[in-house]
Protein backbone atom coordinates (compact mmCIF):
# COMPACT_ATOMS: atom_id res chain seq x y z
CA MET A 1 135.10 86.68 28.50
CA PRO A 2 132.77 85.94 31.10
CA SER A 3 133.45 86.57 34.62
CA PRO A 4 134.04 83.47 37.18
CA PRO A 5 130.95 83.00 39.22
CA ARG A 6 130.29 83.83 42.53
CA THR A 7 130.46 81.10 45.09
CA VAL A 8 127.52 81.58 47.84
CA ILE A 9 126.02 79.80 50.63
CA ALA A 10 122.46 78.46 50.00
CA ALA A 11 121.89 76.69 53.18
CA ASN A 12 123.21 75.58 56.57
CA ALA A 13 122.25 73.39 59.49
CA SER A 14 123.79 71.76 62.20
CA TYR A 15 123.36 68.88 64.59
CA VAL A 16 123.86 69.86 68.58
CA PRO A 17 123.91 66.81 70.66
CA THR A 18 121.23 66.92 73.22
CA ARG A 19 123.61 65.06 76.21
CA VAL A 20 124.61 68.39 78.18
CA VAL A 21 127.92 67.92 80.01
CA PRO A 22 128.25 70.62 82.63
CA ASN A 23 131.39 71.36 84.12
CA SER A 24 130.68 69.58 87.52
CA ALA A 25 130.49 66.55 86.17
CA PHE A 26 134.49 66.49 85.97
CA LEU A 27 134.85 66.99 89.61
CA ALA A 28 134.61 63.61 91.06
CA GLY A 29 136.82 62.40 88.64
CA THR A 30 140.89 61.75 88.81
CA LEU A 31 143.04 64.54 87.24
CA LEU A 32 146.78 63.83 86.47
CA ASP A 33 149.24 65.62 85.11
CA SER A 34 151.42 64.28 81.88
CA ALA A 35 153.64 62.48 84.35
CA GLY A 36 150.55 60.66 85.69
CA ARG A 37 150.42 62.33 89.08
CA PRO A 38 147.79 63.72 90.74
CA PHE A 39 147.59 67.61 90.93
CA ALA A 40 148.02 69.52 94.29
CA LYS A 41 144.76 71.63 93.65
CA PRO A 42 141.56 69.75 94.51
CA ASN A 43 139.25 69.28 91.42
CA GLU A 44 136.93 72.16 92.30
CA GLU A 45 139.99 74.76 91.50
CA ILE A 46 141.28 73.00 88.37
CA VAL A 47 137.63 73.25 86.75
CA ALA A 48 137.36 77.10 88.04
CA GLN A 49 140.01 77.76 86.40
CA LEU A 50 139.83 76.04 83.36
CA GLU A 51 136.36 77.70 82.83
CA ALA A 52 137.58 81.19 83.76
CA ILE A 53 140.23 80.68 81.22
CA THR A 54 138.49 79.00 78.06
CA GLY A 55 134.69 80.46 79.01
CA ILE A 56 133.35 76.72 78.76
CA ARG A 57 130.52 76.08 81.40
CA GLU A 58 129.26 73.20 79.56
CA ARG A 59 129.72 71.28 76.68
CA ARG A 60 127.59 68.91 74.28
CA TYR A 61 128.03 65.15 73.71
CA VAL A 62 126.50 62.32 71.66
CA GLU A 63 124.76 59.34 73.07
CA ASP A 64 126.30 55.90 72.92
CA HIS A 65 124.69 54.54 69.73
CA GLN A 66 125.92 57.42 67.92
CA VAL A 67 129.45 58.35 65.86
CA THR A 68 130.83 61.00 63.82
CA SER A 69 128.95 60.16 60.45
CA ASP A 70 125.57 59.89 62.13
CA ILE A 71 125.44 63.60 63.22
CA ALA A 72 127.04 64.95 59.80
CA LEU A 73 123.90 62.79 58.33
CA ALA A 74 121.73 64.55 60.44
CA ALA A 75 122.96 68.20 59.83
CA SER A 76 123.40 67.00 55.92
CA ARG A 77 119.53 66.08 55.65
CA ALA A 78 118.63 69.28 57.63
CA ALA A 79 120.80 71.63 55.27
CA LEU A 80 119.24 70.26 52.15
CA GLU A 81 115.36 70.26 53.51
CA ARG A 82 115.98 73.75 54.56
CA SER A 83 117.34 74.78 51.03
CA GLY A 84 115.39 72.52 48.90
CA VAL A 85 118.17 71.07 47.13
CA ASP A 86 117.57 67.83 45.62
CA PRO A 87 120.46 65.97 46.89
CA GLU A 88 121.09 64.24 43.49
CA SER A 89 122.40 67.49 42.26
CA LEU A 90 125.46 67.53 44.60
CA ASP A 91 128.75 67.50 42.42
CA LEU A 92 130.64 67.61 45.82
CA ILE A 93 130.31 65.89 49.29
CA ILE A 94 133.15 66.81 51.52
CA VAL A 95 133.31 65.72 55.44
CA ALA A 96 135.72 67.64 57.53
CA HIS A 97 136.30 65.40 60.35
CA ASN A 98 139.71 64.34 62.20
CA PHE A 99 139.32 60.83 63.57
CA GLY A 100 136.23 58.81 61.51
CA ASP A 101 133.73 57.19 63.17
CA VAL A 102 134.60 56.19 66.84
CA ALA A 103 132.47 53.96 68.94
CA ALA A 104 131.75 54.66 72.26
CA ASP A 105 133.04 50.70 73.02
CA ASN A 106 135.59 50.86 70.91
CA ARG A 107 137.86 53.72 70.66
CA ARG A 108 139.52 52.65 66.81
CA SER A 109 139.07 55.08 64.43
CA ASP A 110 136.78 53.75 61.76
CA LEU A 111 137.72 55.83 58.15
CA VAL A 112 137.13 53.04 55.42
CA PRO A 113 134.43 53.98 53.76
CA SER A 114 135.07 57.22 53.65
CA LEU A 115 132.56 59.62 55.89
CA ALA A 116 131.77 61.54 52.66
CA ALA A 117 130.59 57.95 51.07
CA ARG A 118 128.66 57.04 54.05
CA VAL A 119 126.75 60.61 54.56
CA LYS A 120 126.19 60.06 50.57
CA HIS A 121 124.61 56.53 51.13
CA GLY A 122 122.53 57.93 53.66
CA LEU A 123 121.28 60.43 51.57
CA GLY A 124 120.07 57.89 49.06
CA ILE A 125 122.10 59.40 45.87
CA VAL A 126 122.58 57.44 42.88
CA ASN A 127 124.09 59.85 40.94
CA PRO A 128 127.72 58.89 40.47
CA TRP A 129 129.45 62.00 39.62
CA SER A 130 128.52 63.47 43.00
CA VAL A 131 132.00 62.87 44.52
CA ALA A 132 132.66 62.29 47.80
CA PHE A 133 135.76 62.56 50.06
CA ASP A 134 136.92 63.52 52.91
CA VAL A 135 139.07 66.49 54.37
CA ALA A 136 141.52 66.12 57.31
CA PHE A 137 142.94 69.29 58.07
CA GLY A 138 142.63 69.89 62.21
CA CYS A 139 140.12 72.29 63.54
CA PRO A 140 140.60 74.46 60.21
CA GLY A 141 139.07 71.74 58.16
CA TRP A 142 135.73 72.46 57.33
CA LEU A 143 136.69 76.08 56.12
CA GLN A 144 139.44 73.99 54.04
CA GLY A 145 136.98 72.10 52.68
CA VAL A 146 134.68 75.28 52.14
CA LEU A 147 137.51 76.85 49.97
CA ILE A 148 138.49 73.64 47.86
CA ALA A 149 134.73 73.45 47.11
CA HIS A 150 135.42 77.29 46.35
CA ASP A 151 138.01 76.60 43.95
CA ALA A 152 135.89 73.47 41.88
CA LEU A 153 132.95 75.64 41.82
CA ARG A 154 135.24 78.99 40.55
CA VAL A 155 136.35 77.30 37.70
CA GLY A 156 133.11 75.48 36.63
CA GLU A 157 133.83 71.78 37.86
CA ALA A 158 130.97 71.83 40.21
CA ARG A 159 127.73 73.99 40.53
CA ARG A 160 126.97 72.56 44.31
CA ALA A 161 128.30 71.27 47.06
CA LEU A 162 127.87 70.05 50.57
CA VAL A 163 130.62 70.33 53.15
CA ILE A 164 130.14 69.18 56.24
CA GLY A 165 132.36 69.77 59.77
CA ALA A 166 131.60 66.59 62.30
CA GLU A 167 133.46 65.47 65.05
CA THR A 168 132.90 63.21 68.29
CA LEU A 169 136.17 64.56 70.61
CA SER A 170 134.09 63.00 73.48
CA ARG A 171 135.57 59.59 72.43
CA VAL A 172 139.02 60.42 71.98
CA SER A 173 139.38 62.54 75.01
CA ASP A 174 141.54 61.26 78.08
CA PRO A 175 139.22 61.46 81.07
CA HIS A 176 142.18 62.12 83.43
CA ASP A 177 143.51 64.80 81.11
CA ARG A 178 142.25 68.19 82.32
CA ASP A 179 142.09 69.09 78.58
CA SER A 180 139.53 67.05 77.85
CA MET A 181 137.02 69.40 79.67
CA ILE A 182 137.66 71.42 76.20
CA TYR A 183 136.24 69.02 74.09
CA ALA A 184 132.68 68.26 73.08
CA ASP A 185 130.85 66.56 69.58
CA GLY A 186 128.72 68.22 66.93
CA ALA A 187 128.24 68.55 63.28
CA GLY A 188 127.87 71.48 60.79
CA ALA A 189 126.76 71.05 57.24
CA THR A 190 126.90 74.21 54.56
CA ILE A 191 125.32 73.86 50.96
CA LEU A 192 127.42 76.16 48.38
CA GLU A 193 126.21 77.17 45.13
CA ALA A 194 128.00 79.03 42.22
CA ARG A 195 126.03 81.76 41.19
CA ALA A 196 126.69 84.22 37.98
CA ASP A 197 128.46 87.76 38.48
CA ASP A 198 126.09 90.37 37.67
CA GLY A 199 128.99 92.88 37.34
CA GLY A 200 127.78 94.49 41.34
CA VAL A 201 128.91 94.73 44.46
CA PRO A 202 130.69 90.93 44.84
CA VAL A 203 129.41 88.56 46.80
CA GLY A 204 130.31 85.38 47.95
CA ILE A 205 133.69 84.10 49.02
CA LEU A 206 135.65 86.87 48.19
CA ALA A 207 139.17 85.68 48.90
CA SER A 208 141.26 83.57 51.36
CA ALA A 209 144.52 82.93 53.07
CA THR A 210 145.51 79.10 54.63
CA ARG A 211 149.19 78.22 55.81
CA SER A 212 150.46 74.88 57.49
CA ASP A 213 153.57 75.43 60.00
CA ALA A 214 154.43 71.57 60.04
CA ARG A 215 158.44 71.99 60.69
CA GLU A 216 158.09 73.37 64.15
CA HIS A 217 154.18 73.18 65.65
CA VAL A 218 153.39 69.78 63.72
CA ARG A 219 152.91 68.16 67.55
CA LEU A 220 151.38 70.78 68.89
CA LEU A 221 148.40 68.15 69.31
CA TRP A 222 149.06 64.53 68.62
CA MET A 223 147.56 61.32 69.83
CA GLY A 224 149.13 59.93 72.88
CA GLU A 225 148.75 57.52 75.87
CA SER A 226 146.06 58.01 78.56
CA HIS A 227 147.77 60.23 81.83
CA ASP A 228 147.06 57.26 83.78
CA ALA A 229 149.59 54.75 82.99
CA GLU A 230 147.44 51.61 85.09
CA ARG A 231 144.42 52.31 82.11
CA PRO A 232 143.74 48.88 80.63
CA GLY A 233 144.82 48.42 76.74
CA ARG A 234 147.11 51.08 74.68
CA GLU A 235 144.13 53.13 73.64
CA LEU A 236 145.46 56.79 72.07
CA PHE A 237 143.73 60.19 73.46
CA LEU A 238 144.27 63.43 71.68
CA LYS A 239 146.70 65.52 73.26
CA MET A 240 147.92 69.13 73.25
CA GLU A 241 150.52 71.93 74.18
CA GLY A 242 147.70 74.29 74.99
CA ARG A 243 150.04 77.20 75.88
CA LYS A 244 152.25 76.95 72.69
CA LEU A 245 149.09 76.40 70.72
CA TYR A 246 147.64 79.86 72.05
CA LYS A 247 150.89 81.35 71.49
CA TYR A 248 151.06 80.14 67.61
CA ALA A 249 147.29 80.96 67.23
CA CYS A 250 147.89 84.57 68.50
CA HIS A 251 150.79 84.93 66.15
CA VAL A 252 149.13 83.61 63.02
CA VAL A 253 145.45 83.80 62.81
CA PRO A 254 145.81 87.51 62.94
CA GLU A 255 148.48 88.06 60.04
CA LEU A 256 146.20 85.18 57.93
CA VAL A 257 143.25 87.56 58.63
CA LEU A 258 144.48 90.58 57.19
CA ARG A 259 145.94 88.79 54.60
CA ALA A 260 142.79 87.73 53.54
CA LEU A 261 141.06 90.88 54.00
CA ALA A 262 143.79 92.72 52.01
CA ARG A 263 143.55 89.83 49.09
CA ALA A 264 139.44 91.24 49.17
CA GLY A 265 140.37 94.81 49.02
CA ALA A 266 138.61 95.12 52.04
CA SER A 267 139.19 96.68 55.64
CA LEU A 268 138.68 95.26 59.22
CA GLY A 269 136.32 98.58 59.62
CA GLU A 270 134.36 97.38 57.08
CA VAL A 271 133.94 94.02 58.71
CA ALA A 272 130.39 92.82 60.50
CA LYS A 273 131.35 89.65 62.16
CA ILE A 274 134.43 87.74 62.85
CA LEU A 275 133.41 84.05 62.91
CA ILE A 276 136.45 82.25 64.72
CA HIS A 277 137.33 78.83 65.74
CA GLN A 278 135.41 78.15 69.11
CA ALA A 279 138.74 76.40 71.09
CA ASN A 280 139.22 79.25 74.33
CA ALA A 281 137.31 82.45 74.62
CA LYS A 282 140.52 83.95 76.24
CA MET A 283 142.40 83.27 73.03
CA ASP A 284 140.15 84.44 70.12
CA GLU A 285 139.98 87.78 72.18
CA ALA A 286 143.38 87.61 72.09
CA ILE A 287 143.30 86.94 68.70
CA VAL A 288 140.80 89.64 67.41
CA ARG A 289 142.43 92.18 69.49
CA ARG A 290 145.50 91.26 68.22
CA VAL A 291 144.21 91.54 64.33
CA PHE A 292 142.94 95.45 65.60
CA GLU A 293 146.57 96.15 66.73
CA LEU A 294 148.17 94.80 63.55
CA ALA A 295 145.67 97.09 61.57
CA GLY A 296 146.36 100.24 63.93
CA ARG A 297 143.63 99.94 66.13
CA GLY A 298 145.43 99.51 69.35
CA ASP A 299 142.74 101.11 71.23
CA VAL A 300 139.74 98.63 70.15
CA THR A 301 137.80 97.94 73.41
CA THR A 302 136.13 94.31 75.07
CA GLY A 303 132.44 95.94 74.39
CA GLU A 304 133.96 96.03 70.33
CA ILE A 305 134.75 92.59 70.21
CA GLU A 306 132.19 91.25 71.72
CA ARG A 307 129.87 93.11 69.20
CA LEU A 308 131.78 91.48 66.77
CA VAL A 309 132.52 88.20 67.80
CA PRO A 310 129.76 85.94 68.76
CA MET A 311 130.61 83.07 70.80
CA THR A 312 129.18 79.59 71.30
CA ILE A 313 132.00 77.94 73.17
CA GLY A 314 130.26 78.45 76.49
CA TRP A 315 127.46 76.28 76.40
CA LEU A 316 128.84 74.07 73.30
CA GLY A 317 132.83 73.67 74.02
CA ASN A 318 135.19 73.18 71.36
CA SER A 319 133.86 70.25 68.89
CA SER A 320 136.76 71.02 66.68
CA VAL A 321 135.77 71.26 62.74
CA ALA A 322 131.87 71.57 64.04
CA THR A 323 132.33 75.07 65.85
CA ILE A 324 132.41 77.72 62.82
CA PRO A 325 129.37 76.07 60.51
CA THR A 326 127.46 75.62 63.95
CA LEU A 327 128.25 78.94 64.75
CA LEU A 328 126.84 80.29 61.37
CA ASP A 329 123.86 78.01 61.48
CA LEU A 330 122.81 79.30 64.78
CA LEU A 331 123.83 82.79 63.67
CA GLU A 332 121.61 82.86 60.95
CA ARG A 333 118.65 81.88 62.90
CA ASP A 334 119.16 84.66 65.84
CA GLU A 335 119.73 82.11 67.95
CA ILE A 336 123.14 84.07 69.46
CA GLU A 337 121.90 87.03 71.50
CA GLY A 338 122.84 90.47 70.49
CA HIS A 339 123.95 89.01 67.01
CA ARG A 340 122.75 88.97 63.34
CA VAL A 341 123.60 88.52 60.09
CA ARG A 342 121.99 90.98 57.10
CA PRO A 343 122.58 90.76 53.16
CA GLY A 344 125.44 92.77 52.37
CA ASP A 345 126.99 92.15 56.00
CA LEU A 346 131.09 91.43 55.17
CA LEU A 347 131.78 88.53 57.26
CA VAL A 348 135.39 86.83 57.98
CA PHE A 349 136.36 83.20 59.57
CA ALA A 350 139.21 82.07 60.92
CA SER A 351 140.32 79.05 62.22
CA VAL A 352 143.35 76.97 63.60
CA GLY A 353 144.32 73.37 64.54
CA ALA A 354 146.42 70.54 64.45
CA GLY A 355 149.11 70.31 61.88
CA MET A 356 150.00 73.41 62.30
CA ASN A 357 147.22 74.75 60.44
CA ALA A 358 145.31 77.64 60.41
CA ASN A 359 142.92 79.67 57.58
CA ALA A 360 140.52 82.84 57.33
CA MET A 361 138.38 83.70 54.52
CA VAL A 362 136.61 86.60 53.62
CA TYR A 363 132.43 86.56 52.62
CA ARG A 364 129.77 88.82 51.95
CA VAL A 365 126.33 87.64 52.63
CA PRO A 366 124.34 87.98 49.09
CA ALA A 367 120.63 89.10 49.00
CA ARG A 368 118.02 86.07 49.45
C-alpha cells in the first residue's frame, strides 16, 4: 500500500500595509481604563510601558479604501505569481480571519459572501470544484487552515490548496483602550501541495497538536463597547484580558509544541526555527523559555532564543492570523536580519488566540 503524500509549502507571499503608525501616534489620544476613567499616568509613560512589554515600536494599518478581502487577494496573487501555479488548479481556498470585511466608515462585519469566495472571484477562478470557505479560529486561524488543508491533501481529496490569513484589526480597535496599540493589519498567503513520499527523510508537515479551552477561558477576548461611554452609537470593539491571556499562553503553548514534536518523532534540539504568533515579545520569549524548561533545558539563554525565534512584532505589530504567514514569507526572502531557512530545516509553528484556541505544527523544509 503506497504511503500517503506529503504536504509541502510550494510558495508564500504577504501583504504588508504601507501606512506606518508609530507609537507616537497614540500620545495625543485619550486613553481610558475599563471603567471609562483617565489613567493617572501620562500617555508618554503608558506608551513607553507598552513598548517595553510587547516590543512594538510601530504597526501597519490599511488605507481607508481597503478591507480584509482586498489584502487577502493581494497576498494570494503574489503567492500564485511567485509559484507559477495556475489558479484553476486550486482545490481549496481557505481564508482565516475573525471579523470579515470592516469598512473604514462602517464598523459592522461584512461576512456574506465568505472572504474565500471573494478571493476566488477576485482571482477569476472558473473551476467549480475549487472549494472556498472561511475559518474563524482566533489568531491561530491561518495555522488551523493549513492543518485542515493538510488533512484533505493527505487523504487525496485535494492536490493543491491556498491558505490565507488576513485581518484588519485597526477597524475593530477602541481608540480609547491602551490595548489598541497592539493591533495591526496584514495578510499572508500560502500554497500547499501534495507531494509523493519518496521514502527518504520525511518532509513537509510531520505532526501537529491543537486544543480549545472554551469552558474556563472562552472570554479572554471578546467584543465590547468602547471605554468611552460618551462615544455615539453602540459599536463593538476587540477587548481582552491581557494578563490572563499571557498566563494561559505560557501554560498551554509549550505543552502543544512538545506534543507536536513528540508526534513527529523529533527533539527540541533538532529545531532550526520556531515561528510563533507575534502577539507580545515578552510573552513569546516566556513561551519558548518554558518549552526548554519542560524539555529539561532550564539553562537556555536569551541569545539562544533570539537565534531560534525570528520576530517581526517590533515593526509590524499583532496582525492576528496574518502574523505567522507574513513572518514565514519574510523569513524565506531573507528579510529578517540574522535568520534564514534552508532545505532540511525543522520548523515549529505555534499560535494562540480567541476561543481559547492554540495549536502547533512541525514542518521539515523540502529541497526546492
